[in-house]
All heavy atoms as atom14 arrays in JSON, in Angstrom:
{
  "sequence": "ADRLIGGQKAVWYGAIIIMIGHIILAIPNDTTFFIGLIVVILGTGLL",
  "atom14_mask": [
    [1, 1, 1, 1, 1, 0, 0, 0, 0, 0, 0, 0, 0, 0],
    [1, 1, 1, 1, 1, 1, 1, 1, 0, 0, 0, 0, 0, 0],
    [1, 1, 1, 1, 1, 1, 1, 1, 1, 1, 1, 0, 0, 0],
    [1, 1, 1, 1, 1, 1, 1, 1, 0, 0, 0, 0, 0, 0],
    [1, 1, 1, 1, 1, 1, 1, 1, 0, 0, 0, 0, 0, 0],
    [1, 1, 1, 1, 0, 0, 0, 0, 0, 0, 0, 0, 0, 0],
    [1, 1, 1, 1, 0, 0, 0, 0, 0, 0, 0, 0, 0, 0],
    [1, 1, 1, 1, 1, 1, 1, 1, 1, 0, 0, 0, 0, 0],
    [1, 1, 1, 1, 1, 1, 1, 1, 1, 0, 0, 0, 0, 0],
    [1, 1, 1, 1, 1, 0, 0, 0, 0, 0, 0, 0, 0, 0],
    [1, 1, 1, 1, 1, 1, 1, 0, 0, 0, 0, 0, 0, 0],
    [1, 1, 1, 1, 1, 1, 1, 1, 1, 1, 1, 1, 1, 1],
    [1, 1, 1, 1, 1, 1, 1, 1, 1, 1, 1, 1, 0, 0],
    [1, 1, 1, 1, 0, 0, 0, 0, 0, 0, 0, 0, 0, 0],
    [1, 1, 1, 1, 1, 0, 0, 0, 0, 0, 0, 0, 0, 0],
    [1, 1, 1, 1, 1, 1, 1, 1, 0, 0, 0, 0, 0, 0],
    [1, 1, 1, 1, 1, 1, 1, 1, 0, 0, 0, 0, 0, 0],
    [1, 1, 1, 1, 1, 1, 1, 1, 0, 0, 0, 0, 0, 0],
    [1, 1, 1, 1, 1, 1, 1, 1, 0, 0, 0, 0, 0, 0],
    [1, 1, 1, 1, 1, 1, 1, 1, 0, 0, 0, 0, 0, 0],
    [1, 1, 1, 1, 0, 0, 0, 0, 0, 0, 0, 0, 0, 0],
    [1, 1, 1, 1, 1, 1, 1, 1, 1, 1, 0, 0, 0, 0],
    [1, 1, 1, 1, 1, 1, 1, 1, 0, 0, 0, 0, 0, 0],
    [1, 1, 1, 1, 1, 1, 1, 1, 0, 0, 0, 0, 0, 0],
    [1, 1, 1, 1, 1, 1, 1, 1, 0, 0, 0, 0, 0, 0],
    [1, 1, 1, 1, 1, 0, 0, 0, 0, 0, 0, 0, 0, 0],
    [1, 1, 1, 1, 1, 1, 1, 1, 0, 0, 0, 0, 0, 0],
    [1, 1, 1, 1, 1, 1, 1, 0, 0, 0, 0, 0, 0, 0],
    [1, 1, 1, 1, 1, 1, 1, 1, 0, 0, 0, 0, 0, 0],
    [1, 1, 1, 1, 1, 1, 1, 1, 0, 0, 0, 0, 0, 0],
    [1, 1, 1, 1, 1, 1, 1, 0, 0, 0, 0, 0, 0, 0],
    [1, 1, 1, 1, 1, 1, 1, 0, 0, 0, 0, 0, 0, 0],
    [1, 1, 1, 1, 1, 1, 1, 1, 1, 1, 1, 0, 0, 0],
    [1, 1, 1, 1, 1, 1, 1, 1, 1, 1, 1, 0, 0, 0],
    [1, 1, 1, 1, 1, 1, 1, 1, 0, 0, 0, 0, 0, 0],
    [1, 1, 1, 1, 0, 0, 0, 0, 0, 0, 0, 0, 0, 0],
    [1, 1, 1, 1, 1, 1, 1, 1, 0, 0, 0, 0, 0, 0],
    [1, 1, 1, 1, 1, 1, 1, 1, 0, 0, 0, 0, 0, 0],
    [1, 1, 1, 1, 1, 1, 1, 0, 0, 0, 0, 0, 0, 0],
    [1, 1, 1, 1, 1, 1, 1, 0, 0, 0, 0, 0, 0, 0],
    [1, 1, 1, 1, 1, 1, 1, 1, 0, 0, 0, 0, 0, 0],
    [1, 1, 1, 1, 1, 1, 1, 1, 0, 0, 0, 0, 0, 0],
    [1, 1, 1, 1, 0, 0, 0, 0, 0, 0, 0, 0, 0, 0],
    [1, 1, 1, 1, 1, 1, 1, 0, 0, 0, 0, 0, 0, 0],
    [1, 1, 1, 1, 0, 0, 0, 0, 0, 0, 0, 0, 0, 0],
    [1, 1, 1, 1, 1, 1, 1, 1, 0, 0, 0, 0, 0, 0],
    [1, 1, 1, 1, 1, 1, 1, 1, 0, 0, 0, 0, 0, 0]
  ],
  "atom14_positions": [
    [[-86.05, -139.68, 39.44], [-85.99, -138.75, 40.52], [-87.39, -137.99, 40.49], [-87.96, -137.92, 41.71], [-84.94, -137.74, 40.31], [0.0, 0.0, 0.0], [0.0, 0.0, 0.0], [0.0, 0.0, 0.0], [0.0, 0.0, 0.0], [0.0, 0.0, 0.0], [0.0, 0.0, 0.0], [0.0, 0.0, 0.0], [0.0, 0.0, 0.0], [0.0, 0.0, 0.0]],
    [[-87.97, -137.68, 39.57], [-89.19, -137.03, 39.48], [-90.36, -137.64, 39.95], [-91.35, -137.26, 40.44], [-89.43, -136.4, 38.1], [-88.58, -135.22, 37.52], [-87.97, -134.54, 38.51], [-88.45, -134.99, 36.54], [0.0, 0.0, 0.0], [0.0, 0.0, 0.0], [0.0, 0.0, 0.0], [0.0, 0.0, 0.0], [0.0, 0.0, 0.0], [0.0, 0.0, 0.0]],
    [[-90.32, -138.93, 39.64], [-91.58, -139.78, 39.82], [-91.45, -140.73, 41.04], [-92.39, -141.27, 41.57], [-91.9, -140.57, 38.58], [-92.27, -139.8, 37.43], [-93.45, -138.75, 37.71], [-93.87, -137.99, 36.68], [-94.84, -138.36, 35.85], [-95.47, -139.41, 36.0], [-95.31, -137.49, 34.82], [0.0, 0.0, 0.0], [0.0, 0.0, 0.0], [0.0, 0.0, 0.0]],
    [[-90.18, -141.19, 41.41], [-90.15, -142.24, 42.31], [-89.31, -141.94, 43.68], [-89.78, -142.19, 44.78], [-89.25, -143.4, 41.73], [-90.01, -144.19, 40.48], [-89.13, -145.24, 39.9], [-91.42, -144.78, 41.1], [0.0, 0.0, 0.0], [0.0, 0.0, 0.0], [0.0, 0.0, 0.0], [0.0, 0.0, 0.0], [0.0, 0.0, 0.0], [0.0, 0.0, 0.0]],
    [[-88.2, -141.29, 43.65], [-87.39, -141.2, 44.71], [-86.91, -139.69, 45.17], [-86.45, -139.52, 46.28], [-86.03, -142.04, 44.62], [-85.18, -141.52, 43.49], [-86.43, -143.42, 44.63], [-83.9, -142.36, 43.39], [0.0, 0.0, 0.0], [0.0, 0.0, 0.0], [0.0, 0.0, 0.0], [0.0, 0.0, 0.0], [0.0, 0.0, 0.0], [0.0, 0.0, 0.0]],
    [[-87.04, -138.8, 44.24], [-86.69, -137.47, 44.62], [-85.12, -137.17, 44.22], [-84.34, -138.16, 44.09], [0.0, 0.0, 0.0], [0.0, 0.0, 0.0], [0.0, 0.0, 0.0], [0.0, 0.0, 0.0], [0.0, 0.0, 0.0], [0.0, 0.0, 0.0], [0.0, 0.0, 0.0], [0.0, 0.0, 0.0], [0.0, 0.0, 0.0], [0.0, 0.0, 0.0]],
    [[-84.92, -135.84, 44.13], [-83.57, -135.59, 43.63], [-82.47, -135.89, 44.64], [-81.3, -136.31, 44.15], [0.0, 0.0, 0.0], [0.0, 0.0, 0.0], [0.0, 0.0, 0.0], [0.0, 0.0, 0.0], [0.0, 0.0, 0.0], [0.0, 0.0, 0.0], [0.0, 0.0, 0.0], [0.0, 0.0, 0.0], [0.0, 0.0, 0.0], [0.0, 0.0, 0.0]],
    [[-82.63, -135.61, 45.95], [-81.64, -135.9, 46.81], [-81.21, -137.39, 46.98], [-80.02, -137.68, 46.92], [-82.24, -135.51, 48.28], [-82.13, -134.07, 48.55], [-82.35, -133.78, 50.01], [-82.19, -134.57, 51.02], [-82.86, -132.52, 50.36], [0.0, 0.0, 0.0], [0.0, 0.0, 0.0], [0.0, 0.0, 0.0], [0.0, 0.0, 0.0], [0.0, 0.0, 0.0]],
    [[-82.13, -138.22, 47.0], [-81.72, -139.68, 46.88], [-81.09, -140.11, 45.53], [-80.27, -141.04, 45.68], [-83.08, -140.53, 47.25], [-83.54, -140.47, 48.57], [-84.71, -141.4, 48.83], [-85.23, -141.27, 50.32], [-86.54, -142.0, 50.48], [0.0, 0.0, 0.0], [0.0, 0.0, 0.0], [0.0, 0.0, 0.0], [0.0, 0.0, 0.0], [0.0, 0.0, 0.0]],
    [[-81.59, -139.5, 44.54], [-80.98, -139.88, 43.2], [-79.57, -139.45, 43.19], [-78.78, -140.32, 42.7], [-81.72, -139.2, 42.09], [0.0, 0.0, 0.0], [0.0, 0.0, 0.0], [0.0, 0.0, 0.0], [0.0, 0.0, 0.0], [0.0, 0.0, 0.0], [0.0, 0.0, 0.0], [0.0, 0.0, 0.0], [0.0, 0.0, 0.0], [0.0, 0.0, 0.0]],
    [[-79.19, -138.36, 43.63], [-77.8, -137.83, 43.74], [-76.97, -138.89, 44.69], [-75.93, -139.23, 44.3], [-77.65, -136.4, 44.03], [-76.25, -135.99, 44.44], [-78.23, -135.56, 43.07], [0.0, 0.0, 0.0], [0.0, 0.0, 0.0], [0.0, 0.0, 0.0], [0.0, 0.0, 0.0], [0.0, 0.0, 0.0], [0.0, 0.0, 0.0], [0.0, 0.0, 0.0]],
    [[-77.56, -139.11, 45.84], [-76.87, -139.94, 46.87], [-76.56, -141.38, 46.24], [-75.54, -141.75, 46.22], [-77.77, -139.91, 48.14], [-77.3, -141.05, 49.08], [-77.81, -142.12, 49.53], [-76.11, -140.91, 49.88], [-76.98, -142.78, 50.42], [-75.92, -142.06, 50.73], [-74.98, -140.06, 49.91], [-74.85, -142.29, 51.53], [-74.04, -140.12, 50.88], [-73.95, -141.37, 51.71]],
    [[-77.63, -141.96, 45.75], [-77.47, -143.36, 45.35], [-76.65, -143.43, 44.03], [-75.86, -144.3, 43.74], [-78.8, -144.09, 45.04], [-79.55, -144.35, 46.36], [-80.8, -143.87, 46.64], [-78.96, -145.18, 47.36], [-81.48, -144.14, 47.79], [-79.57, -145.49, 48.54], [-80.89, -144.94, 48.73], [-81.43, -145.12, 49.95], [0.0, 0.0, 0.0], [0.0, 0.0, 0.0]],
    [[-76.83, -142.36, 43.19], [-75.93, -142.29, 41.89], [-74.58, -142.21, 42.2], [-73.74, -142.84, 41.66], [0.0, 0.0, 0.0], [0.0, 0.0, 0.0], [0.0, 0.0, 0.0], [0.0, 0.0, 0.0], [0.0, 0.0, 0.0], [0.0, 0.0, 0.0], [0.0, 0.0, 0.0], [0.0, 0.0, 0.0], [0.0, 0.0, 0.0], [0.0, 0.0, 0.0]],
    [[-74.27, -141.3, 43.19], [-72.76, -141.13, 43.64], [-72.13, -142.42, 44.21], [-71.11, -142.74, 43.88], [-72.71, -140.01, 44.67], [0.0, 0.0, 0.0], [0.0, 0.0, 0.0], [0.0, 0.0, 0.0], [0.0, 0.0, 0.0], [0.0, 0.0, 0.0], [0.0, 0.0, 0.0], [0.0, 0.0, 0.0], [0.0, 0.0, 0.0], [0.0, 0.0, 0.0]],
    [[-72.97, -143.18, 44.96], [-72.61, -144.44, 45.56], [-72.23, -145.46, 44.35], [-71.23, -146.14, 44.27], [-73.54, -145.05, 46.47], [-73.69, -144.3, 47.8], [-73.33, -146.52, 46.75], [-74.76, -144.6, 48.58], [0.0, 0.0, 0.0], [0.0, 0.0, 0.0], [0.0, 0.0, 0.0], [0.0, 0.0, 0.0], [0.0, 0.0, 0.0], [0.0, 0.0, 0.0]],
    [[-73.16, -145.59, 43.28], [-73.06, -146.42, 42.2], [-71.84, -146.02, 41.34], [-70.95, -146.82, 41.12], [-74.28, -146.36, 41.34], [-75.39, -147.0, 42.11], [-74.1, -147.14, 40.09], [-76.8, -146.76, 41.44], [0.0, 0.0, 0.0], [0.0, 0.0, 0.0], [0.0, 0.0, 0.0], [0.0, 0.0, 0.0], [0.0, 0.0, 0.0], [0.0, 0.0, 0.0]],
    [[-71.6, -144.67, 41.21], [-70.34, -144.13, 40.49], [-69.05, -144.69, 41.2], [-68.22, -145.12, 40.67], [-70.39, -142.75, 40.27], [-71.48, -142.28, 39.43], [-69.04, -142.18, 39.87], [-71.8, -140.77, 39.34], [0.0, 0.0, 0.0], [0.0, 0.0, 0.0], [0.0, 0.0, 0.0], [0.0, 0.0, 0.0], [0.0, 0.0, 0.0], [0.0, 0.0, 0.0]],
    [[-68.97, -144.53, 42.53], [-67.81, -144.85, 43.27], [-67.52, -146.23, 43.17], [-66.41, -146.73, 42.93], [-68.14, -144.54, 44.75], [-66.86, -144.77, 45.6], [-67.17, -144.39, 47.38], [-68.37, -145.59, 47.77], [0.0, 0.0, 0.0], [0.0, 0.0, 0.0], [0.0, 0.0, 0.0], [0.0, 0.0, 0.0], [0.0, 0.0, 0.0], [0.0, 0.0, 0.0]],
    [[-68.48, -147.17, 43.24], [-68.46, -148.61, 43.12], [-67.93, -148.94, 41.75], [-67.08, -149.79, 41.62], [-69.88, -149.35, 43.41], [-70.27, -149.23, 44.75], [-69.83, -150.8, 42.94], [-71.63, -149.58, 45.05], [0.0, 0.0, 0.0], [0.0, 0.0, 0.0], [0.0, 0.0, 0.0], [0.0, 0.0, 0.0], [0.0, 0.0, 0.0], [0.0, 0.0, 0.0]],
    [[-68.49, -148.21, 40.66], [-67.82, -148.46, 39.37], [-66.42, -148.22, 39.25], [-65.73, -148.91, 38.56], [0.0, 0.0, 0.0], [0.0, 0.0, 0.0], [0.0, 0.0, 0.0], [0.0, 0.0, 0.0], [0.0, 0.0, 0.0], [0.0, 0.0, 0.0], [0.0, 0.0, 0.0], [0.0, 0.0, 0.0], [0.0, 0.0, 0.0], [0.0, 0.0, 0.0]],
    [[-66.02, -147.05, 39.84], [-64.52, -146.67, 39.77], [-63.85, -147.7, 40.57], [-62.53, -147.99, 40.16], [-64.42, -145.31, 40.16], [-64.76, -144.2, 39.32], [-64.34, -144.03, 38.06], [-65.77, -143.19, 39.52], [-64.94, -143.11, 37.43], [-65.78, -142.59, 38.18], [0.0, 0.0, 0.0], [0.0, 0.0, 0.0], [0.0, 0.0, 0.0], [0.0, 0.0, 0.0]],
    [[-64.23, -148.19, 41.63], [-63.5, -149.22, 42.42], [-63.37, -150.44, 41.62], [-62.23, -151.04, 41.62], [-64.23, -149.56, 43.66], [-64.29, -148.31, 44.68], [-63.78, -150.67, 44.33], [-65.15, -148.46, 45.99], [0.0, 0.0, 0.0], [0.0, 0.0, 0.0], [0.0, 0.0, 0.0], [0.0, 0.0, 0.0], [0.0, 0.0, 0.0], [0.0, 0.0, 0.0]],
    [[-64.35, -150.87, 40.81], [-64.2, -152.0, 39.98], [-63.28, -151.75, 38.89], [-62.48, -152.73, 38.51], [-65.71, -152.25, 39.34], [-66.56, -152.78, 40.4], [-65.52, -153.5, 38.25], [-68.12, -152.89, 39.92], [0.0, 0.0, 0.0], [0.0, 0.0, 0.0], [0.0, 0.0, 0.0], [0.0, 0.0, 0.0], [0.0, 0.0, 0.0], [0.0, 0.0, 0.0]],
    [[-63.24, -150.6, 38.34], [-62.23, -150.16, 37.31], [-60.87, -150.24, 37.84], [-59.89, -150.46, 37.14], [-62.43, -148.84, 36.73], [-63.77, -148.66, 35.84], [-63.97, -147.18, 35.69], [-63.6, -149.47, 34.48], [0.0, 0.0, 0.0], [0.0, 0.0, 0.0], [0.0, 0.0, 0.0], [0.0, 0.0, 0.0], [0.0, 0.0, 0.0], [0.0, 0.0, 0.0]],
    [[-60.68, -149.99, 39.16], [-59.29, -149.97, 39.74], [-58.79, -151.43, 39.95], [-57.67, -151.53, 40.19], [-59.45, -149.26, 41.05], [0.0, 0.0, 0.0], [0.0, 0.0, 0.0], [0.0, 0.0, 0.0], [0.0, 0.0, 0.0], [0.0, 0.0, 0.0], [0.0, 0.0, 0.0], [0.0, 0.0, 0.0], [0.0, 0.0, 0.0], [0.0, 0.0, 0.0]],
    [[-59.72, -152.4, 39.89], [-59.13, -153.85, 39.94], [-58.49, -154.18, 38.74], [-58.98, -154.06, 37.57], [-60.42, -154.7, 40.19], [-61.2, -154.42, 41.49], [-59.86, -156.22, 40.25], [-62.45, -155.17, 41.64], [0.0, 0.0, 0.0], [0.0, 0.0, 0.0], [0.0, 0.0, 0.0], [0.0, 0.0, 0.0], [0.0, 0.0, 0.0], [0.0, 0.0, 0.0]],
    [[-57.17, -154.64, 38.84], [-56.41, -154.97, 37.57], [-56.94, -156.25, 36.98], [-56.23, -157.35, 37.01], [-54.96, -155.1, 38.07], [-55.12, -155.5, 39.53], [-56.42, -154.88, 40.01], [0.0, 0.0, 0.0], [0.0, 0.0, 0.0], [0.0, 0.0, 0.0], [0.0, 0.0, 0.0], [0.0, 0.0, 0.0], [0.0, 0.0, 0.0], [0.0, 0.0, 0.0]],
    [[-58.15, -156.16, 36.31], [-58.61, -157.41, 35.77], [-59.39, -156.98, 34.45], [-60.3, -156.05, 34.5], [-59.69, -158.11, 36.66], [-60.18, -159.43, 36.18], [-61.06, -159.33, 35.25], [-59.8, -160.47, 36.62], [0.0, 0.0, 0.0], [0.0, 0.0, 0.0], [0.0, 0.0, 0.0], [0.0, 0.0, 0.0], [0.0, 0.0, 0.0], [0.0, 0.0, 0.0]],
    [[-59.07, -157.64, 33.32], [-59.78, -157.12, 32.07], [-61.19, -157.33, 32.0], [-61.91, -156.46, 31.51], [-59.16, -157.87, 30.93], [-57.64, -157.68, 30.71], [-57.08, -156.73, 31.42], [-56.98, -158.35, 29.82], [0.0, 0.0, 0.0], [0.0, 0.0, 0.0], [0.0, 0.0, 0.0], [0.0, 0.0, 0.0], [0.0, 0.0, 0.0], [0.0, 0.0, 0.0]],
    [[-61.66, -158.34, 32.56], [-63.16, -158.63, 32.64], [-63.81, -157.62, 33.39], [-64.95, -157.06, 32.92], [-63.47, -160.11, 33.16], [-62.78, -161.1, 32.39], [-65.0, -160.39, 33.19], [0.0, 0.0, 0.0], [0.0, 0.0, 0.0], [0.0, 0.0, 0.0], [0.0, 0.0, 0.0], [0.0, 0.0, 0.0], [0.0, 0.0, 0.0], [0.0, 0.0, 0.0]],
    [[-63.51, -157.33, 34.53], [-64.2, -156.42, 35.5], [-64.16, -154.89, 34.96], [-65.02, -154.2, 35.29], [-63.63, -156.35, 36.87], [-62.12, -156.16, 36.82], [-63.83, -157.65, 37.5], [0.0, 0.0, 0.0], [0.0, 0.0, 0.0], [0.0, 0.0, 0.0], [0.0, 0.0, 0.0], [0.0, 0.0, 0.0], [0.0, 0.0, 0.0], [0.0, 0.0, 0.0]],
    [[-63.19, -154.68, 34.0], [-63.02, -153.25, 33.43], [-64.43, -152.82, 32.85], [-64.93, -151.75, 33.01], [-61.95, -153.2, 32.37], [-61.94, -151.95, 31.78], [-61.35, -150.79, 32.26], [-62.47, -151.76, 30.41], [-61.22, -149.63, 31.54], [-62.33, -150.68, 29.64], [-61.71, -149.52, 30.29], [0.0, 0.0, 0.0], [0.0, 0.0, 0.0], [0.0, 0.0, 0.0]],
    [[-65.07, -153.65, 31.95], [-66.2, -153.43, 31.2], [-67.35, -153.34, 32.23], [-68.33, -152.66, 32.03], [-66.36, -154.32, 30.08], [-65.45, -154.21, 28.98], [-64.25, -155.24, 28.88], [-65.39, -153.16, 28.18], [-63.26, -155.01, 28.02], [-64.39, -153.13, 27.25], [-63.38, -153.86, 27.09], [0.0, 0.0, 0.0], [0.0, 0.0, 0.0], [0.0, 0.0, 0.0]],
    [[-67.42, -154.18, 33.26], [-68.45, -154.16, 34.2], [-68.41, -152.8, 35.01], [-69.44, -152.15, 35.17], [-68.3, -155.32, 35.21], [-68.52, -156.62, 34.52], [-69.3, -155.09, 36.46], [-68.16, -157.78, 35.4], [0.0, 0.0, 0.0], [0.0, 0.0, 0.0], [0.0, 0.0, 0.0], [0.0, 0.0, 0.0], [0.0, 0.0, 0.0], [0.0, 0.0, 0.0]],
    [[-67.19, -152.24, 35.19], [-67.05, -151.02, 35.92], [-67.58, -149.8, 35.0], [-68.24, -149.06, 35.55], [0.0, 0.0, 0.0], [0.0, 0.0, 0.0], [0.0, 0.0, 0.0], [0.0, 0.0, 0.0], [0.0, 0.0, 0.0], [0.0, 0.0, 0.0], [0.0, 0.0, 0.0], [0.0, 0.0, 0.0], [0.0, 0.0, 0.0], [0.0, 0.0, 0.0]],
    [[-67.33, -150.0, 33.6], [-67.91, -148.91, 32.82], [-69.35, -148.89, 32.93], [-70.1, -147.78, 32.95], [-67.39, -149.14, 31.44], [-65.95, -148.73, 31.02], [-65.83, -148.97, 29.44], [-65.74, -147.48, 31.35], [0.0, 0.0, 0.0], [0.0, 0.0, 0.0], [0.0, 0.0, 0.0], [0.0, 0.0, 0.0], [0.0, 0.0, 0.0], [0.0, 0.0, 0.0]],
    [[-70.05, -150.05, 32.78], [-71.44, -150.11, 32.8], [-72.1, -149.47, 34.16], [-73.08, -148.75, 34.14], [-71.92, -151.61, 32.67], [-71.68, -152.12, 31.27], [-73.51, -151.72, 32.82], [-71.84, -153.58, 31.09], [0.0, 0.0, 0.0], [0.0, 0.0, 0.0], [0.0, 0.0, 0.0], [0.0, 0.0, 0.0], [0.0, 0.0, 0.0], [0.0, 0.0, 0.0]],
    [[-71.4, -149.8, 35.37], [-71.8, -149.27, 36.66], [-71.72, -147.71, 36.65], [-72.57, -147.19, 37.04], [-71.08, -150.05, 37.71], [-71.38, -149.41, 39.1], [-71.38, -151.53, 37.77], [0.0, 0.0, 0.0], [0.0, 0.0, 0.0], [0.0, 0.0, 0.0], [0.0, 0.0, 0.0], [0.0, 0.0, 0.0], [0.0, 0.0, 0.0], [0.0, 0.0, 0.0]],
    [[-70.58, -147.17, 36.1], [-70.5, -145.85, 36.12], [-71.43, -145.16, 35.29], [-71.99, -144.07, 35.7], [-69.04, -145.41, 35.66], [-68.88, -143.87, 35.51], [-67.81, -145.94, 36.67], [0.0, 0.0, 0.0], [0.0, 0.0, 0.0], [0.0, 0.0, 0.0], [0.0, 0.0, 0.0], [0.0, 0.0, 0.0], [0.0, 0.0, 0.0], [0.0, 0.0, 0.0]],
    [[-71.8, -145.71, 34.06], [-72.92, -145.09, 33.25], [-74.16, -145.08, 33.97], [-74.9, -144.06, 34.0], [-72.99, -146.05, 31.97], [-71.84, -145.89, 31.02], [-74.32, -145.78, 31.18], [-71.88, -146.86, 29.93], [0.0, 0.0, 0.0], [0.0, 0.0, 0.0], [0.0, 0.0, 0.0], [0.0, 0.0, 0.0], [0.0, 0.0, 0.0], [0.0, 0.0, 0.0]],
    [[-74.63, -146.19, 34.72], [-75.77, -146.14, 35.49], [-75.88, -145.15, 36.6], [-76.78, -144.4, 36.74], [-76.13, -147.62, 35.95], [-76.27, -148.74, 35.09], [-76.39, -150.03, 35.73], [-77.56, -148.5, 34.17], [0.0, 0.0, 0.0], [0.0, 0.0, 0.0], [0.0, 0.0, 0.0], [0.0, 0.0, 0.0], [0.0, 0.0, 0.0], [0.0, 0.0, 0.0]],
    [[-74.77, -144.99, 37.24], [-74.69, -144.07, 38.38], [-74.71, -142.6, 37.97], [-75.46, -141.84, 38.48], [0.0, 0.0, 0.0], [0.0, 0.0, 0.0], [0.0, 0.0, 0.0], [0.0, 0.0, 0.0], [0.0, 0.0, 0.0], [0.0, 0.0, 0.0], [0.0, 0.0, 0.0], [0.0, 0.0, 0.0], [0.0, 0.0, 0.0], [0.0, 0.0, 0.0]],
    [[-73.97, -142.29, 36.82], [-73.96, -140.89, 36.31], [-75.29, -140.6, 35.69], [-75.73, -139.43, 35.96], [-72.88, -140.8, 35.23], [-71.53, -141.37, 35.73], [-72.69, -139.45, 34.7], [0.0, 0.0, 0.0], [0.0, 0.0, 0.0], [0.0, 0.0, 0.0], [0.0, 0.0, 0.0], [0.0, 0.0, 0.0], [0.0, 0.0, 0.0], [0.0, 0.0, 0.0]],
    [[-75.99, -141.53, 35.07], [-77.3, -141.25, 34.6], [-78.26, -140.8, 35.71], [-79.27, -140.04, 35.44], [0.0, 0.0, 0.0], [0.0, 0.0, 0.0], [0.0, 0.0, 0.0], [0.0, 0.0, 0.0], [0.0, 0.0, 0.0], [0.0, 0.0, 0.0], [0.0, 0.0, 0.0], [0.0, 0.0, 0.0], [0.0, 0.0, 0.0], [0.0, 0.0, 0.0]],
    [[-78.02, -141.29, 36.91], [-78.85, -141.07, 38.09], [-78.59, -139.7, 38.79], [-79.36, -139.0, 39.12], [-78.75, -142.21, 39.12], [-79.89, -142.29, 40.18], [-81.27, -142.39, 39.35], [-79.67, -143.48, 40.93], [0.0, 0.0, 0.0], [0.0, 0.0, 0.0], [0.0, 0.0, 0.0], [0.0, 0.0, 0.0], [0.0, 0.0, 0.0], [0.0, 0.0, 0.0]],
    [[-77.3, -139.39, 38.76], [-76.78, -138.26, 39.41], [-76.8, -137.02, 38.65], [-77.25, -135.95, 38.99], [-75.33, -138.47, 40.04], [-74.69, -137.34, 40.84], [-73.81, -137.79, 41.83], [-73.87, -136.41, 39.82], [0.0, 0.0, 0.0], [0.0, 0.0, 0.0], [0.0, 0.0, 0.0], [0.0, 0.0, 0.0], [0.0, 0.0, 0.0], [0.0, 0.0, 0.0]]
  ]
}
């Protein structure tokens, strides 16, 4: 945020990534569960 895109875009894209992660977690599949966790981590770190 400080060096590349600014806080507003960081929050916006972070929230989108978090939402995608939770959607993946909502899929009843054991494999996608851990992918969802990784995606939520990345989004939360940005937001």
